[in-house]
N, C-alpha and C. Protein backbone atom coordinates (compact mmCIF):
# COMPACT_ATOMS: atom_id res chain seq x y z
N MET A 1 63.58 -37.67 37.52
CA MET A 1 63.20 -38.95 38.12
C MET A 1 64.46 -39.81 38.30
N SER A 2 64.49 -40.58 39.34
CA SER A 2 65.65 -41.42 39.61
C SER A 2 65.51 -42.78 38.93
N ARG A 3 66.60 -43.51 38.92
CA ARG A 3 66.59 -44.84 38.32
C ARG A 3 65.65 -45.75 39.08
N TRP A 4 64.94 -46.58 38.33
CA TRP A 4 64.00 -47.51 38.93
C TRP A 4 64.72 -48.73 39.48
N THR A 5 64.15 -49.33 40.51
CA THR A 5 64.65 -50.60 41.02
C THR A 5 64.11 -51.72 40.13
N ASP A 6 64.67 -52.92 40.28
CA ASP A 6 64.18 -54.07 39.51
C ASP A 6 62.71 -54.33 39.80
N ASP A 7 62.30 -54.17 41.06
CA ASP A 7 60.90 -54.38 41.42
C ASP A 7 59.98 -53.38 40.72
N MET A 8 60.42 -52.15 40.61
CA MET A 8 59.62 -51.13 39.93
C MET A 8 59.46 -51.47 38.45
N ILE A 9 60.53 -51.97 37.83
CA ILE A 9 60.47 -52.37 36.42
C ILE A 9 59.47 -53.50 36.25
N ARG A 10 59.54 -54.51 37.11
CA ARG A 10 58.62 -55.65 37.01
C ARG A 10 57.18 -55.22 37.23
N GLU A 11 56.95 -54.34 38.20
CA GLU A 11 55.59 -53.87 38.48
C GLU A 11 55.03 -53.10 37.28
N TYR A 12 55.84 -52.24 36.68
CA TYR A 12 55.39 -51.48 35.51
C TYR A 12 55.05 -52.44 34.37
N PHE A 13 55.92 -53.41 34.13
CA PHE A 13 55.69 -54.37 33.05
C PHE A 13 54.41 -55.17 33.29
N ASP A 14 54.17 -55.54 34.54
CA ASP A 14 52.97 -56.32 34.88
C ASP A 14 51.69 -55.51 34.72
N THR A 15 51.75 -54.21 34.89
CA THR A 15 50.55 -53.38 34.83
C THR A 15 50.38 -52.66 33.49
N HIS A 16 51.37 -52.73 32.63
CA HIS A 16 51.30 -52.11 31.29
C HIS A 16 51.63 -53.21 30.28
N TRP A 17 50.61 -53.99 29.92
CA TRP A 17 50.83 -55.19 29.10
C TRP A 17 51.40 -54.89 27.73
N ASN A 18 51.28 -53.65 27.25
CA ASN A 18 51.81 -53.32 25.92
C ASN A 18 53.11 -52.52 26.00
N ALA A 19 53.73 -52.47 27.16
CA ALA A 19 54.98 -51.72 27.33
C ALA A 19 56.09 -52.37 26.52
N THR A 20 56.95 -51.54 25.94
CA THR A 20 58.10 -52.05 25.19
C THR A 20 59.36 -51.89 26.04
N ILE A 21 60.38 -52.66 25.69
CA ILE A 21 61.67 -52.55 26.38
C ILE A 21 62.19 -51.11 26.23
N HIS A 22 62.05 -50.55 25.03
CA HIS A 22 62.53 -49.18 24.78
C HIS A 22 61.83 -48.18 25.70
N GLU A 23 60.52 -48.32 25.85
CA GLU A 23 59.74 -47.43 26.71
C GLU A 23 60.19 -47.57 28.17
N ILE A 24 60.37 -48.80 28.62
CA ILE A 24 60.79 -49.02 30.01
C ILE A 24 62.18 -48.46 30.24
N CYS A 25 63.08 -48.61 29.27
CA CYS A 25 64.43 -48.05 29.39
C CYS A 25 64.37 -46.53 29.55
N ALA A 26 63.54 -45.89 28.74
CA ALA A 26 63.43 -44.43 28.80
C ALA A 26 62.87 -43.97 30.15
N LEU A 27 61.87 -44.66 30.65
CA LEU A 27 61.24 -44.27 31.91
C LEU A 27 62.12 -44.59 33.12
N SER A 28 62.80 -45.71 33.06
CA SER A 28 63.54 -46.19 34.24
C SER A 28 64.98 -45.71 34.29
N GLU A 29 65.46 -45.11 33.19
CA GLU A 29 66.86 -44.69 33.09
C GLU A 29 67.81 -45.87 33.30
N ARG A 30 67.42 -47.04 32.80
CA ARG A 30 68.25 -48.24 32.88
C ARG A 30 68.54 -48.72 31.47
N SER A 31 69.59 -49.51 31.30
CA SER A 31 69.93 -50.03 29.97
C SER A 31 69.02 -51.20 29.60
N LYS A 32 69.01 -51.55 28.30
CA LYS A 32 68.20 -52.68 27.86
C LYS A 32 68.60 -53.95 28.60
N ALA A 33 69.90 -54.16 28.77
CA ALA A 33 70.38 -55.36 29.45
C ALA A 33 69.87 -55.41 30.89
N GLU A 34 69.88 -54.27 31.57
CA GLU A 34 69.40 -54.22 32.95
C GLU A 34 67.91 -54.51 33.03
N VAL A 35 67.14 -53.94 32.09
CA VAL A 35 65.69 -54.16 32.08
C VAL A 35 65.39 -55.63 31.80
N LYS A 36 66.06 -56.20 30.81
CA LYS A 36 65.83 -57.61 30.47
C LYS A 36 66.18 -58.51 31.65
N ARG A 37 67.30 -58.22 32.32
CA ARG A 37 67.71 -59.02 33.47
C ARG A 37 66.65 -58.95 34.58
N ALA A 38 66.13 -57.75 34.83
CA ALA A 38 65.11 -57.57 35.87
C ALA A 38 63.86 -58.37 35.54
N LEU A 39 63.46 -58.35 34.27
CA LEU A 39 62.24 -59.06 33.87
C LEU A 39 62.44 -60.57 33.89
N MET A 40 63.64 -61.03 33.61
CA MET A 40 63.91 -62.48 33.58
C MET A 40 64.01 -63.07 34.98
N GLN A 41 64.17 -62.24 36.00
CA GLN A 41 64.32 -62.73 37.37
C GLN A 41 63.00 -63.07 38.03
N LYS A 42 61.91 -62.97 37.32
CA LYS A 42 60.58 -63.24 37.89
C LYS A 42 60.48 -64.62 38.45
């Protein structure tokens, strides 16, 4: 699987209310900092 875009990260977070940063990092192949930045840009 390829790296997720910021929009994909936000969509996953919005549809999986119990998702953890660690889980999103593993699925998206992005770092914690990148995931947090994507989520904060809402």
